[in-house]
Amino acid sequence: MSAMGGSMNESAAVAALRTLSVFSADQAGAYREHFADVAGVLGSDVETKLSRFLSDWAHDGKPGLVILTGNAGTGKTAAAEAYCRAIGQQLPVEDALVELTPGHRVLKDLSGLPSTAARTVAMRDALCNLTDCQTLICANEGVLRDAFSEIQSETGNESLDTALRHGAHSNDGLTIVNVNRQRLTGESLWNALLDYVTRDEIWLGCEGCPFNLGGCPMRSNAEQLRRVDVRDQLRTLFRVASGEAVPTIRELLAILSWAIVGTASCDHVRKRNRDLGIEAFTAIDGYFSRVVGGGMSSAAAERSPLLTAIRRAGLGSVSDLQVDGWLRDANGAPEAVMKIAGFPEGGGPSGPKRSRLAGTRSPLDRVQTTQHEMTFYELGEMVSTDEDPTRVEDGLNALFRGDELTNTPAQSLWRQRIFFEAQADLGGPARASRRLLNYGHIHDLFDLAATAAGGGDTILELTEIVRGLNFLVTGFASADEGLIVSDTACLFARDPGSFRPASPSLVHAIIPVERLSIEVPDQGLVNELLDIDHIEVNLLVDNDWGSPEKVDTVSLIAD
């Protein structure tokens, strides 16, 4: 039996996810061309709105040209495969305009054609047969624009520009979809993607799996990622990161796979448990650490723009008096927090003498110190109440510096796990984010985007945004006169961190609030074709003729 297919000694899910979790210059294991073995373990592709649209179009048979454009890894090829399956065919191997069945043609990668001339011929052919057959083309933006320019297609260029701005455009049989606008954090798609790598049936364990003894970090991670509250908090991190980097399915699966298995194998887990017992693995192997790049070199993490954006949220480095206090003394803490800490049953400070791992339930509640592994609770007790100065010093080193191998402080691991698994005890998701992330108002901005998408009243939020922008320019947080637009050169005279009035020497314009409005960029057709998650808003100003012009984009990662 192949390693990917799994065996009694190796879980197939572990082998598959380890292939996807490669973070290096050679990402071959994650590319679509190498995905067949992985799909054989994890199952068919997660269905998206785009794949459903293309399947329905194939069954309908209505002629036209559909072009999918977007970055590598955004799901163009998977969508094209769904189209091919709908007509009982497989995606062509060669990069050419292939007629699969009468009336159905596919070009899986326009950039795969050998020359500009070949791409021009293929695009001209597709545009000339809009009313005769169905044609599906996958193309990166650059080569697509070049092809339209070569054949001097104004319709093509205009449609492409509109699709890039609004996500999708359809006119006279030509439909262009900007797959970069697909948001993997759309609620239904997000849960489907998490199910894809964590569902029960693929995590049955290998022969001799120590999970039931609290010894398998991989199955413990998968188990926690099936929790609704954990998924919601993880979604918040990815929504924040999506404001900086285009999230691709390839990159998302790589991060999730790293969070669950890292580089571990079932054989490695069994051997360490045989040699070390329940001390074999600790919280450093937990999903809450790995999902922000724990256990990964900085050079490897930097290769992922999405992971880099997630790390910028600062989860684990932001202090909170109550959260940090629970680590030092979990007595009297909420029940969920005590469970996370590894609080021993019936054993607080006045209870019977116990081992340092008396309350452990999984590797996720253990930390490594020079005094051996112990639960978060025991670490807090040692630091707070132990009379041995050496033990106290060792505990403080583990708390603030981490072990010598990973240099990840136990305090950071604690904050990370609390964020995911005890957000209800912090006042809910919004307050948990405000307290433990670098961005204090992300949920306010999520709510604003949802209100704008639904056509609700946003005047109060609009006024607040104008006040903030005016403060950055002038040092005065007032929206009474409207939005102050400074001359560009004068912005260099204002230091936003100085918190002092500094009026610009030249004011380009003052725009009354009445002329401003807020809208989301994804509107109209794109909502029908792609899974959308409204995570950004545009600030618009009406010109003298009443039509809106975008003057700025307010990203949802802004604080």
Protein backbone atom coordinates (compact mmCIF):
# COMPACT_ATOMS: atom_id res chain seq x y z
CA MET A 1 0.00 0.00 0.00
CA SER A 2 1.32 3.47 -0.85
CA ALA A 3 2.35 5.91 1.83
CA MET A 4 -0.29 8.33 0.64
CA GLY A 5 -2.97 5.68 0.79
CA GLY A 6 -2.08 5.03 4.41
CA SER A 7 -1.58 1.74 6.25
CA MET A 8 -2.14 0.29 9.66
CA ASN A 9 1.07 2.05 10.71
CA GLU A 10 0.36 5.44 9.13
CA SER A 11 -2.91 7.34 8.95
CA ALA A 12 -3.75 8.25 5.36
CA ALA A 13 -4.93 11.68 6.54
CA VAL A 14 -1.58 12.38 8.21
CA ALA A 15 0.34 11.44 5.06
CA ALA A 16 -1.93 13.57 2.88
CA LEU A 17 -1.79 16.65 5.10
CA ARG A 18 1.94 16.36 5.55
CA THR A 19 2.21 16.60 1.76
CA LEU A 20 0.09 19.75 1.74
CA SER A 21 1.89 21.41 4.64
CA VAL A 22 5.14 21.93 2.73
CA PHE A 23 6.43 25.49 3.24
CA SER A 24 9.47 25.78 1.03
CA ALA A 25 10.57 27.09 -2.34
CA ASP A 26 9.55 23.68 -3.74
CA GLN A 27 5.79 23.52 -3.22
CA ALA A 28 5.33 20.65 -5.67
CA GLY A 29 3.28 18.63 -3.21
CA ALA A 30 0.64 21.33 -3.13
CA TYR A 31 0.23 21.96 -6.84
CA ARG A 32 -2.88 20.86 -8.67
CA GLU A 33 -0.96 18.49 -10.92
CA HIS A 34 0.13 16.46 -7.86
CA PHE A 35 -3.23 16.55 -6.10
CA ALA A 36 -4.73 13.26 -7.29
CA ASP A 37 -3.25 11.14 -4.49
CA VAL A 38 -4.24 13.70 -1.85
CA ALA A 39 -7.79 13.88 -3.21
CA GLY A 40 -7.99 10.09 -3.00
CA VAL A 41 -7.61 10.40 0.77
CA LEU A 42 -9.36 13.67 1.60
CA GLY A 43 -12.13 13.34 -0.98
CA SER A 44 -13.39 15.31 -3.95
CA ASP A 45 -12.86 19.03 -4.24
CA VAL A 46 -14.95 21.21 -1.98
CA GLU A 47 -17.88 22.50 -4.01
CA THR A 48 -17.90 26.26 -4.58
CA LYS A 49 -20.39 28.63 -6.15
CA LEU A 50 -18.09 28.89 -9.17
CA SER A 51 -17.94 25.13 -9.70
CA ARG A 52 -21.74 24.91 -9.38
CA PHE A 53 -22.19 27.74 -11.88
CA LEU A 54 -19.91 26.06 -14.43
CA SER A 55 -21.56 22.66 -13.94
CA ASP A 56 -25.01 24.18 -14.44
CA TRP A 57 -23.77 26.05 -17.52
CA ALA A 58 -22.38 22.83 -18.98
CA HIS A 59 -25.71 21.05 -18.47
CA ASP A 60 -27.65 24.02 -19.85
CA GLY A 61 -25.65 24.07 -23.07
CA LYS A 62 -26.13 27.79 -23.68
CA PRO A 63 -23.28 29.00 -25.93
CA GLY A 64 -20.84 31.65 -24.79
CA LEU A 65 -17.33 32.29 -23.53
CA VAL A 66 -16.44 32.15 -19.83
CA ILE A 67 -12.97 33.31 -18.80
CA LEU A 68 -11.60 32.65 -15.31
CA THR A 69 -8.77 34.97 -14.35
CA GLY A 70 -6.85 35.14 -11.08
CA ASN A 71 -3.67 34.28 -9.27
CA ALA A 72 -2.21 30.79 -9.14
CA GLY A 73 -3.87 28.60 -6.52
CA THR A 74 -7.22 30.42 -6.46
CA GLY A 75 -9.18 27.42 -7.78
CA LYS A 76 -9.41 28.07 -11.52
CA THR A 77 -8.26 24.58 -12.46
CA ALA A 78 -10.55 22.93 -9.91
CA ALA A 79 -13.49 24.87 -11.35
CA ALA A 80 -12.52 23.83 -14.88
CA GLU A 81 -12.41 20.20 -13.73
CA ALA A 82 -15.94 20.56 -12.36
CA TYR A 83 -17.08 21.81 -15.78
CA CYS A 84 -15.44 18.83 -17.49
CA ARG A 85 -17.00 16.34 -15.06
CA ALA A 86 -20.42 17.81 -15.75
CA ILE A 87 -20.12 16.73 -19.41
CA GLY A 88 -18.56 13.38 -18.53
CA GLN A 89 -15.01 14.31 -19.52
CA GLN A 90 -11.66 14.91 -17.85
CA LEU A 91 -9.67 18.12 -17.93
CA PRO A 92 -7.30 18.03 -20.93
CA VAL A 93 -3.65 17.41 -20.15
CA GLU A 94 -2.31 19.64 -22.91
CA ASP A 95 -2.46 23.43 -22.93
CA ALA A 96 -4.55 23.98 -26.04
CA LEU A 97 -8.10 24.88 -27.01
CA VAL A 98 -9.60 21.39 -26.89
CA GLU A 99 -13.10 20.36 -27.97
CA LEU A 100 -14.16 17.80 -25.37
CA THR A 101 -17.56 17.07 -26.87
CA PRO A 102 -19.45 18.81 -29.66
CA GLY A 103 -20.22 22.32 -28.44
CA HIS A 104 -17.94 22.21 -25.36
CA ARG A 105 -14.36 23.53 -25.53
CA VAL A 106 -11.77 24.12 -22.79
CA LEU A 107 -8.40 25.87 -22.63
CA LYS A 108 -7.06 25.10 -19.16
CA ASP A 109 -4.24 27.69 -19.20
CA LEU A 110 -3.90 30.44 -21.78
CA SER A 111 -0.36 31.19 -20.62
CA GLY A 112 0.59 27.58 -21.39
CA LEU A 113 0.40 28.26 -25.13
CA PRO A 114 3.90 28.63 -26.59
CA SER A 115 3.74 32.17 -27.97
CA THR A 116 1.84 35.43 -28.08
CA ALA A 117 0.69 34.55 -31.58
CA ALA A 118 -0.77 31.24 -30.40
CA ARG A 119 -2.59 32.92 -27.53
CA THR A 120 -3.95 35.55 -29.90
CA VAL A 121 -5.27 32.91 -32.30
CA ALA A 122 -6.96 31.01 -29.47
CA MET A 123 -8.61 34.13 -28.06
CA ARG A 124 -9.79 35.31 -31.47
CA ASP A 125 -11.26 31.85 -32.11
CA ALA A 126 -13.10 31.92 -28.78
CA LEU A 127 -14.54 35.40 -29.35
CA CYS A 128 -15.63 34.55 -32.90
CA ASN A 129 -17.65 31.54 -31.72
CA LEU A 130 -19.62 33.14 -28.88
CA THR A 131 -22.94 32.04 -30.35
CA ASP A 132 -21.86 28.64 -31.67
CA CYS A 133 -20.49 26.73 -28.67
CA GLN A 134 -19.39 26.88 -25.05
CA THR A 135 -15.77 27.85 -24.42
CA LEU A 136 -14.08 27.91 -21.01
CA ILE A 137 -10.66 29.55 -20.67
CA CYS A 138 -8.43 29.92 -17.60
CA ALA A 139 -5.96 32.79 -17.88
CA ASN A 140 -3.79 35.02 -15.74
CA GLU A 141 -4.58 38.72 -16.00
CA GLY A 142 -1.41 39.75 -17.83
CA VAL A 143 -1.58 37.29 -20.71
CA LEU A 144 -5.33 37.82 -21.00
CA ARG A 145 -4.95 41.57 -21.34
CA ASP A 146 -2.16 41.10 -23.88
CA ALA A 147 -4.34 38.77 -25.94
CA PHE A 148 -7.23 41.25 -25.98
CA SER A 149 -4.85 44.02 -26.99
CA GLU A 150 -3.32 41.95 -29.80
CA ILE A 151 -6.73 41.36 -31.38
CA GLN A 152 -7.78 44.94 -30.55
CA SER A 153 -10.88 43.81 -28.67
CA GLU A 154 -12.32 46.84 -26.89
CA THR A 155 -15.15 44.68 -25.56
CA GLY A 156 -12.66 42.25 -24.05
CA ASN A 157 -10.56 44.95 -22.40
CA GLU A 158 -13.60 46.78 -21.03
CA SER A 159 -15.10 43.56 -19.69
CA LEU A 160 -11.78 42.64 -18.06
CA ASP A 161 -11.47 46.04 -16.39
CA THR A 162 -15.01 45.79 -15.03
CA ALA A 163 -14.44 42.24 -13.79
CA LEU A 164 -11.25 43.26 -12.01
CA ARG A 165 -13.07 46.12 -10.26
CA HIS A 166 -16.32 44.37 -9.39
CA GLY A 167 -15.42 40.68 -9.45
CA ALA A 168 -17.34 39.61 -12.54
CA HIS A 169 -18.84 40.97 -15.75
CA SER A 170 -21.09 39.47 -18.40
CA ASN A 171 -22.09 41.01 -21.72
CA ASP A 172 -23.19 39.58 -25.08
CA GLY A 173 -22.08 36.03 -24.36
CA LEU A 174 -18.72 36.99 -22.80
CA THR A 175 -18.39 36.41 -19.04
CA ILE A 176 -15.18 37.18 -17.16
CA VAL A 177 -14.81 36.11 -13.53
CA ASN A 178 -12.04 37.53 -11.33
CA VAL A 179 -11.43 34.51 -9.11
CA ASN A 180 -9.21 36.64 -6.86
CA ARG A 181 -12.45 38.05 -5.44
CA GLN A 182 -13.45 34.62 -4.12
CA ARG A 183 -13.24 34.66 -0.33
CA LEU A 184 -12.53 31.36 1.36
CA THR A 185 -13.88 32.82 4.60
CA GLY A 186 -17.43 32.93 3.29
CA GLU A 187 -19.31 31.08 6.01
CA SER A 188 -20.45 27.97 4.10
CA LEU A 189 -17.21 27.58 2.12
CA TRP A 190 -15.12 28.12 5.26
CA ASN A 191 -16.81 25.29 7.14
CA ALA A 192 -16.59 23.02 4.10
CA LEU A 193 -12.84 23.62 3.84
CA LEU A 194 -12.34 22.92 7.55
CA ASP A 195 -14.40 19.74 7.25
CA TYR A 196 -12.23 18.70 4.32
CA VAL A 197 -9.17 18.30 6.56
CA THR A 198 -10.69 17.59 10.00
CA ARG A 199 -13.86 15.49 9.61
CA ASP A 200 -14.22 12.43 11.83
CA GLU A 201 -14.11 9.75 9.15
CA ILE A 202 -10.56 10.59 8.02
CA TRP A 203 -9.24 10.75 11.59
CA LEU A 204 -9.94 7.22 12.83
CA GLY A 205 -6.32 6.77 13.86
CA CYS A 206 -3.60 4.27 13.06
CA GLU A 207 -2.77 1.00 14.79
CA GLY A 208 -1.50 1.77 18.28
CA CYS A 209 -2.53 5.44 18.15
CA PRO A 210 -2.03 7.00 21.61
CA PHE A 211 -4.84 9.55 21.16
CA ASN A 212 -7.12 7.98 23.78
CA LEU A 213 -4.22 8.17 26.25
CA GLY A 214 -3.77 11.88 25.56
CA GLY A 215 -0.67 11.36 23.44
CA CYS A 216 -1.47 12.29 19.81
CA PRO A 217 -1.20 16.03 19.05
CA MET A 218 -2.41 15.58 15.46
CA ARG A 219 -5.76 14.03 16.35
CA SER A 220 -6.10 16.48 19.25
CA ASN A 221 -5.64 19.36 16.80
CA ALA A 222 -8.16 17.93 14.34
CA GLU A 223 -10.65 17.39 17.17
CA GLN A 224 -10.40 21.00 18.35
CA LEU A 225 -10.74 22.34 14.80
CA ARG A 226 -14.14 20.66 14.58
CA ARG A 227 -15.42 23.00 17.30
CA VAL A 228 -17.65 25.84 16.09
CA ASP A 229 -16.10 28.46 18.39
CA VAL A 230 -12.56 27.53 17.37
CA ARG A 231 -13.50 27.73 13.68
CA ASP A 232 -15.08 31.14 14.16
CA GLN A 233 -11.96 32.53 15.82
CA LEU A 234 -9.73 31.02 13.15
CA ARG A 235 -11.98 32.58 10.53
CA THR A 236 -11.44 35.97 12.15
CA LEU A 237 -7.67 35.60 11.73
CA PHE A 238 -8.01 34.63 8.07
CA ARG A 239 -10.48 37.45 7.40
CA VAL A 240 -8.00 39.94 8.82
CA ALA A 241 -5.21 38.45 6.71
CA SER A 242 -7.39 38.58 3.59
CA GLY A 243 -7.24 42.35 3.79
CA GLU A 244 -3.52 42.17 3.00
CA ALA A 245 -3.09 39.07 0.83
CA VAL A 246 -5.27 37.30 -1.74
CA PRO A 247 -6.13 34.02 -0.01
CA THR A 248 -5.72 30.97 -2.23
CA ILE A 249 -7.11 27.52 -1.58
CA ARG A 250 -3.60 26.13 -1.97
CA GLU A 251 -2.21 28.42 0.71
CA LEU A 252 -5.14 27.96 3.08
CA LEU A 253 -4.87 24.17 2.93
CA ALA A 254 -1.12 24.41 3.49
CA ILE A 255 -1.59 26.50 6.64
CA LEU A 256 -4.36 24.26 7.99
CA SER A 257 -2.30 21.16 7.28
CA TRP A 258 0.69 22.64 9.07
CA ALA A 259 -1.54 23.55 12.02
CA ILE A 260 -2.76 19.96 12.32
CA VAL A 261 0.26 17.77 11.55
CA GLY A 262 3.32 19.94 10.91
CA THR A 263 6.08 17.55 9.88
CA ALA A 264 5.08 14.74 12.27
CA SER A 265 4.24 11.17 11.32
CA CYS A 266 2.31 8.46 13.12
CA ASP A 267 5.50 6.47 13.62
CA HIS A 268 7.19 9.49 15.21
CA VAL A 269 4.25 10.03 17.56
CA ARG A 270 4.11 6.39 18.63
CA LYS A 271 7.86 6.18 19.27
CA ARG A 272 7.96 9.33 21.37
CA ASN A 273 4.99 8.15 23.40
CA ARG A 274 6.69 4.79 23.90
CA ASP A 275 9.86 6.48 25.15
CA LEU A 276 8.47 9.49 27.03
CA GLY A 277 4.85 8.68 27.80
CA ILE A 278 2.47 11.62 28.04
CA GLU A 279 5.43 14.00 28.25
CA ALA A 280 6.16 13.33 24.57
CA PHE A 281 4.29 16.34 23.15
CA THR A 282 3.33 19.77 24.45
CA ALA A 283 1.37 22.88 23.50
CA ILE A 284 4.06 23.90 21.02
CA ASP A 285 2.57 21.14 18.82
CA GLY A 286 -0.91 22.65 19.17
CA TYR A 287 -2.90 24.09 16.26
CA PHE A 288 -3.15 27.46 18.05
CA SER A 289 0.62 27.85 17.87
CA ARG A 290 1.18 26.32 14.45
CA VAL A 291 -1.54 28.33 12.70
CA VAL A 292 0.51 31.48 13.32
CA GLY A 293 3.71 29.80 12.15
CA GLY A 294 4.78 28.05 15.34
CA GLY A 295 7.50 25.48 14.75
CA MET A 296 8.35 27.04 11.40
CA SER A 297 11.41 29.07 10.55
CA SER A 298 10.90 32.76 9.82
CA ALA A 299 12.26 32.24 6.31
CA ALA A 300 9.65 29.55 5.62
CA ALA A 301 6.80 31.62 7.07
CA GLU A 302 7.73 34.61 4.93
CA ARG A 303 7.11 32.55 1.79
CA SER A 304 3.40 32.65 2.58
CA PRO A 305 1.86 36.15 2.27
CA LEU A 306 -1.29 34.88 3.98
CA LEU A 307 0.62 33.46 6.95
CA THR A 308 2.70 36.63 7.17
CA ALA A 309 -0.52 38.67 7.43
CA ILE A 310 -1.89 36.33 10.10
CA ARG A 311 1.28 36.70 12.16
CA ARG A 312 0.98 40.48 11.96
CA ALA A 313 -2.22 40.25 14.03
CA GLY A 314 0.02 39.60 17.03
CA LEU A 315 -1.87 36.69 18.56
CA GLY A 316 0.14 35.58 21.57
CA SER A 317 2.12 38.79 21.98
CA VAL A 318 -0.72 41.04 23.17
CA SER A 319 -1.04 41.04 26.95
CA ASP A 320 -4.29 41.03 28.92
CA LEU A 321 -4.36 41.37 32.69
CA GLN A 322 -7.16 38.87 33.26
CA VAL A 323 -5.92 36.28 30.75
CA ASP A 324 -2.37 36.41 32.06
CA GLY A 325 -3.69 36.29 35.61
CA TRP A 326 -5.53 33.04 34.88
CA LEU A 327 -2.23 31.46 33.85
CA ARG A 328 -0.58 32.40 37.13
CA ASP A 329 -3.58 31.28 39.19
CA ALA A 330 -6.47 29.37 37.58
CA ASN A 331 -8.27 28.86 40.89
CA GLY A 332 -11.69 30.43 40.56
CA ALA A 333 -11.33 30.90 36.80
CA PRO A 334 -14.24 29.94 34.49
CA GLU A 335 -14.66 26.22 33.93
CA ALA A 336 -13.47 26.34 30.30
CA VAL A 337 -10.31 28.16 31.37
CA MET A 338 -9.60 25.65 34.14
CA LYS A 339 -9.94 22.82 31.64
CA ILE A 340 -7.50 24.51 29.25
CA ALA A 341 -5.06 24.99 32.12
CA GLY A 342 -5.15 21.30 33.04
CA PHE A 343 -6.70 21.95 36.45
CA PRO A 344 -6.59 18.65 38.39
CA GLU A 345 -9.93 17.21 39.42
CA GLY A 346 -10.52 17.86 43.10
CA GLY A 347 -7.06 19.30 43.51
CA GLY A 348 -6.41 22.99 44.03
CA PRO A 349 -3.52 24.19 46.19
CA SER A 350 -5.04 22.59 49.29
CA GLY A 351 -5.68 19.23 47.64
CA PRO A 352 -3.61 16.05 47.97
CA LYS A 353 -0.09 15.88 46.58
CA ARG A 354 -0.25 15.30 42.84
CA SER A 355 2.04 14.93 39.85
CA ARG A 356 2.85 17.87 37.61
CA LEU A 357 0.62 16.35 34.86
CA ALA A 358 -2.27 15.35 37.11
CA GLY A 359 -4.89 17.32 35.20
CA THR A 360 -3.60 16.83 31.66
CA ARG A 361 -6.06 15.82 28.97
CA SER A 362 -4.04 16.23 25.78
CA PRO A 363 -0.70 17.62 24.56
CA LEU A 364 -2.43 20.99 24.18
CA ASP A 365 -2.44 21.70 27.94
CA ARG A 366 1.23 20.85 28.60
CA VAL A 367 4.31 23.06 28.46
CA GLN A 368 7.98 22.23 28.50
CA THR A 369 10.27 23.56 31.22
CA THR A 370 13.71 22.62 32.49
CA GLN A 371 11.82 21.06 35.42
CA HIS A 372 10.20 18.62 32.94
CA GLU A 373 6.82 18.90 31.24
CA MET A 374 3.84 20.14 33.24
CA THR A 375 0.37 21.55 32.73
CA PHE A 376 -0.27 25.27 32.40
CA TYR A 377 -1.87 25.10 35.84
CA GLU A 378 1.20 23.53 37.45
CA LEU A 379 3.47 26.09 35.76
CA GLY A 380 1.40 28.90 37.24
CA GLU A 381 1.50 27.26 40.66
CA MET A 382 5.27 26.79 40.48
CA VAL A 383 5.90 30.40 39.53
CA SER A 384 3.45 31.82 42.08
CA THR A 385 3.86 29.63 45.17
CA ASP A 386 7.03 27.52 44.97
CA GLU A 387 9.65 28.31 47.63
CA ASP A 388 12.55 26.91 45.60
CA PRO A 389 14.18 29.88 43.77
CA THR A 390 15.64 27.59 41.10
CA ARG A 391 12.23 26.17 40.24
CA VAL A 392 10.73 29.65 40.21
CA GLU A 393 13.46 30.90 37.87
CA ASP A 394 12.99 27.91 35.57
CA GLY A 395 9.26 28.57 35.53
CA LEU A 396 9.74 32.24 34.68
CA ASN A 397 12.10 31.30 31.85
CA ALA A 398 9.48 28.93 30.42
CA LEU A 399 6.80 31.55 30.89
CA PHE A 400 8.54 34.46 29.20
CA ARG A 401 11.32 32.95 27.05
CA GLY A 402 10.19 29.45 26.16
CA ASP A 403 12.24 26.32 25.83
CA GLU A 404 15.65 26.34 24.16
CA LEU A 405 14.39 24.52 21.05
CA THR A 406 11.44 26.70 20.00
CA ASN A 407 11.85 29.86 22.09
CA THR A 408 8.06 30.09 22.26
CA PRO A 409 7.00 31.49 25.66
CA ALA A 410 4.36 29.50 27.52
CA GLN A 411 2.55 32.80 28.07
CA SER A 412 2.12 33.21 24.29
CA LEU A 413 0.81 29.66 23.94
CA TRP A 414 -1.66 30.32 26.75
CA ARG A 415 -3.00 33.51 25.17
CA GLN A 416 -3.35 31.79 21.82
CA ARG A 417 -5.36 28.90 23.20
CA ILE A 418 -7.56 31.18 25.29
CA PHE A 419 -8.35 33.21 22.15
CA PHE A 420 -9.61 30.11 20.37
CA GLU A 421 -11.22 28.05 23.10
CA ALA A 422 -12.36 30.49 25.80
CA GLN A 423 -13.55 33.53 23.84
CA ALA A 424 -16.96 33.27 25.55
CA ASP A 425 -15.28 33.92 28.91
CA LEU A 426 -13.66 37.06 27.47
CA GLY A 427 -17.02 38.56 26.53
CA GLY A 428 -17.49 37.01 23.10
CA PRO A 429 -15.57 36.97 19.80
CA ALA A 430 -15.45 40.75 19.36
CA ARG A 431 -14.06 41.41 22.84
CA ALA A 432 -11.63 38.51 22.56
CA SER A 433 -10.22 40.02 19.36
CA ARG A 434 -10.06 43.48 20.91
CA ARG A 435 -8.20 42.12 23.93
CA LEU A 436 -5.78 39.67 22.31
CA LEU A 437 -5.06 40.97 18.79
CA ASN A 438 -3.22 44.03 17.54
CA TYR A 439 -6.40 45.18 15.80
CA GLY A 440 -9.01 46.45 18.20
CA HIS A 441 -11.92 47.24 15.88
CA ILE A 442 -11.97 44.48 13.31
CA HIS A 443 -15.42 43.22 14.32
CA ASP A 444 -16.78 46.77 14.11
CA LEU A 445 -15.53 46.88 10.55
CA PHE A 446 -16.93 43.42 9.78
CA ASP A 447 -20.31 44.67 11.00
CA LEU A 448 -19.98 47.82 8.90
CA ALA A 449 -19.26 45.79 5.77
CA ALA A 450 -22.25 43.54 6.46
CA THR A 451 -24.51 46.56 6.96
CA ALA A 452 -23.27 48.20 3.77
CA ALA A 453 -23.72 44.97 1.81
CA GLY A 454 -27.31 44.75 3.01
CA GLY A 455 -28.06 48.36 2.08
CA GLY A 456 -28.42 49.48 5.69
CA ASP A 457 -27.86 52.93 7.20
CA THR A 458 -24.14 53.62 7.75
CA ILE A 459 -24.20 57.37 8.48
CA LEU A 460 -22.88 56.99 12.04
CA GLU A 461 -19.99 54.78 10.94
CA LEU A 462 -19.30 57.11 8.00
CA THR A 463 -19.02 60.09 10.34
CA GLU A 464 -16.65 58.15 12.58
CA ILE A 465 -14.43 57.26 9.62
CA VAL A 466 -14.31 60.90 8.50
CA ARG A 467 -13.34 61.95 12.03
CA GLY A 468 -10.51 59.42 12.00
CA LEU A 469 -9.22 60.43 8.57
CA ASN A 470 -9.32 64.10 9.52
CA PHE A 471 -7.34 63.36 12.67
CA LEU A 472 -4.63 61.64 10.65
CA VAL A 473 -4.36 64.68 8.36
CA THR A 474 -4.85 67.60 10.73
CA GLY A 475 -4.72 66.31 14.30
CA PHE A 476 -8.38 67.35 14.87
CA ALA A 477 -10.98 64.57 15.12
CA SER A 478 -13.95 66.52 13.79
CA ALA A 479 -16.32 65.82 10.91
CA ASP A 480 -18.27 69.09 11.20
CA GLU A 481 -16.87 70.59 8.00
CA GLY A 482 -16.63 67.29 6.14
CA LEU A 483 -13.67 65.28 4.90
CA ILE A 484 -10.49 67.35 4.68
CA VAL A 485 -8.38 66.37 1.68
CA SER A 486 -4.86 67.68 2.09
CA ASP A 487 -2.49 68.45 -0.72
CA THR A 488 -0.46 65.28 -1.13
CA ALA A 489 2.89 66.92 -0.42
CA CYS A 490 1.59 68.33 2.87
CA LEU A 491 0.91 64.90 4.34
CA PHE A 492 4.62 64.56 5.03
CA ALA A 493 4.34 67.38 7.57
CA ARG A 494 1.90 65.41 9.72
CA ASP A 495 3.13 62.76 12.15
CA PRO A 496 0.05 60.64 13.07
CA GLY A 497 1.81 59.33 16.16
CA SER A 498 2.45 62.75 17.66
CA PHE A 499 -1.16 63.39 18.80
CA ARG A 500 -0.81 67.11 18.33
CA PRO A 501 -2.64 69.56 16.06
CA ALA A 502 -0.79 70.07 12.78
CA SER A 503 -3.01 71.68 10.17
CA PRO A 504 -1.87 71.05 6.60
CA SER A 505 -0.39 74.08 4.90
CA LEU A 506 -2.48 73.44 1.80
CA VAL A 507 -6.00 71.99 1.70
CA HIS A 508 -6.90 70.42 -1.62
CA ALA A 509 -10.63 70.12 -0.87
CA ILE A 510 -13.24 69.82 1.85
CA ILE A 511 -15.97 67.30 1.01
CA PRO A 512 -19.24 67.53 2.96
CA VAL A 513 -20.27 64.32 4.67
CA GLU A 514 -23.54 64.45 2.72
CA ARG A 515 -21.62 63.73 -0.47
CA LEU A 516 -19.88 60.68 0.97
CA SER A 517 -21.14 57.11 1.11
CA ILE A 518 -19.90 53.63 1.98
CA GLU A 519 -20.30 50.55 -0.17
CA VAL A 520 -18.75 47.11 -0.50
CA PRO A 521 -16.74 46.37 -3.66
CA ASP A 522 -18.37 43.01 -4.40
CA GLN A 523 -21.79 43.72 -5.84
CA GLY A 524 -24.08 42.31 -8.49
CA LEU A 525 -23.06 39.32 -10.60
CA VAL A 526 -20.02 38.36 -8.53
CA ASN A 527 -22.28 37.40 -5.62
CA GLU A 528 -23.97 34.84 -7.86
CA LEU A 529 -20.76 33.34 -9.24
CA LEU A 530 -18.30 33.39 -6.32
CA ASP A 531 -18.30 32.72 -2.60
CA ILE A 532 -18.05 36.23 -1.16
CA ASP A 533 -17.21 37.45 2.31
CA HIS A 534 -17.56 41.21 2.72
CA ILE A 535 -14.38 42.20 4.55
CA GLU A 536 -13.65 45.63 3.08
CA VAL A 537 -15.55 48.79 2.25
CA ASN A 538 -15.05 51.64 -0.18
CA LEU A 539 -15.52 55.30 0.73
CA LEU A 540 -17.19 57.07 -2.19
CA VAL A 541 -17.83 60.71 -3.05
CA ASP A 542 -20.52 61.93 -5.44
CA ASN A 543 -19.20 64.18 -8.17
CA ASP A 544 -21.04 67.23 -9.41
CA TRP A 545 -23.29 65.04 -11.59
CA GLY A 546 -24.35 62.75 -8.76
CA SER A 547 -22.38 59.67 -9.81
CA PRO A 548 -20.03 58.14 -7.24
CA GLU A 549 -16.27 58.02 -7.49
CA LYS A 550 -14.10 55.96 -5.20
CA VAL A 551 -11.76 58.19 -3.21
CA ASP A 552 -10.33 55.69 -0.77
CA THR A 553 -10.53 52.11 0.39
CA VAL A 554 -10.87 51.44 4.09
CA SER A 555 -9.38 48.03 4.79
CA LEU A 556 -10.93 45.95 7.54
CA ILE A 557 -7.52 45.47 9.13
CA ALA A 558 -7.36 49.18 9.92
CA ASP A 559 -7.53 49.94 13.62
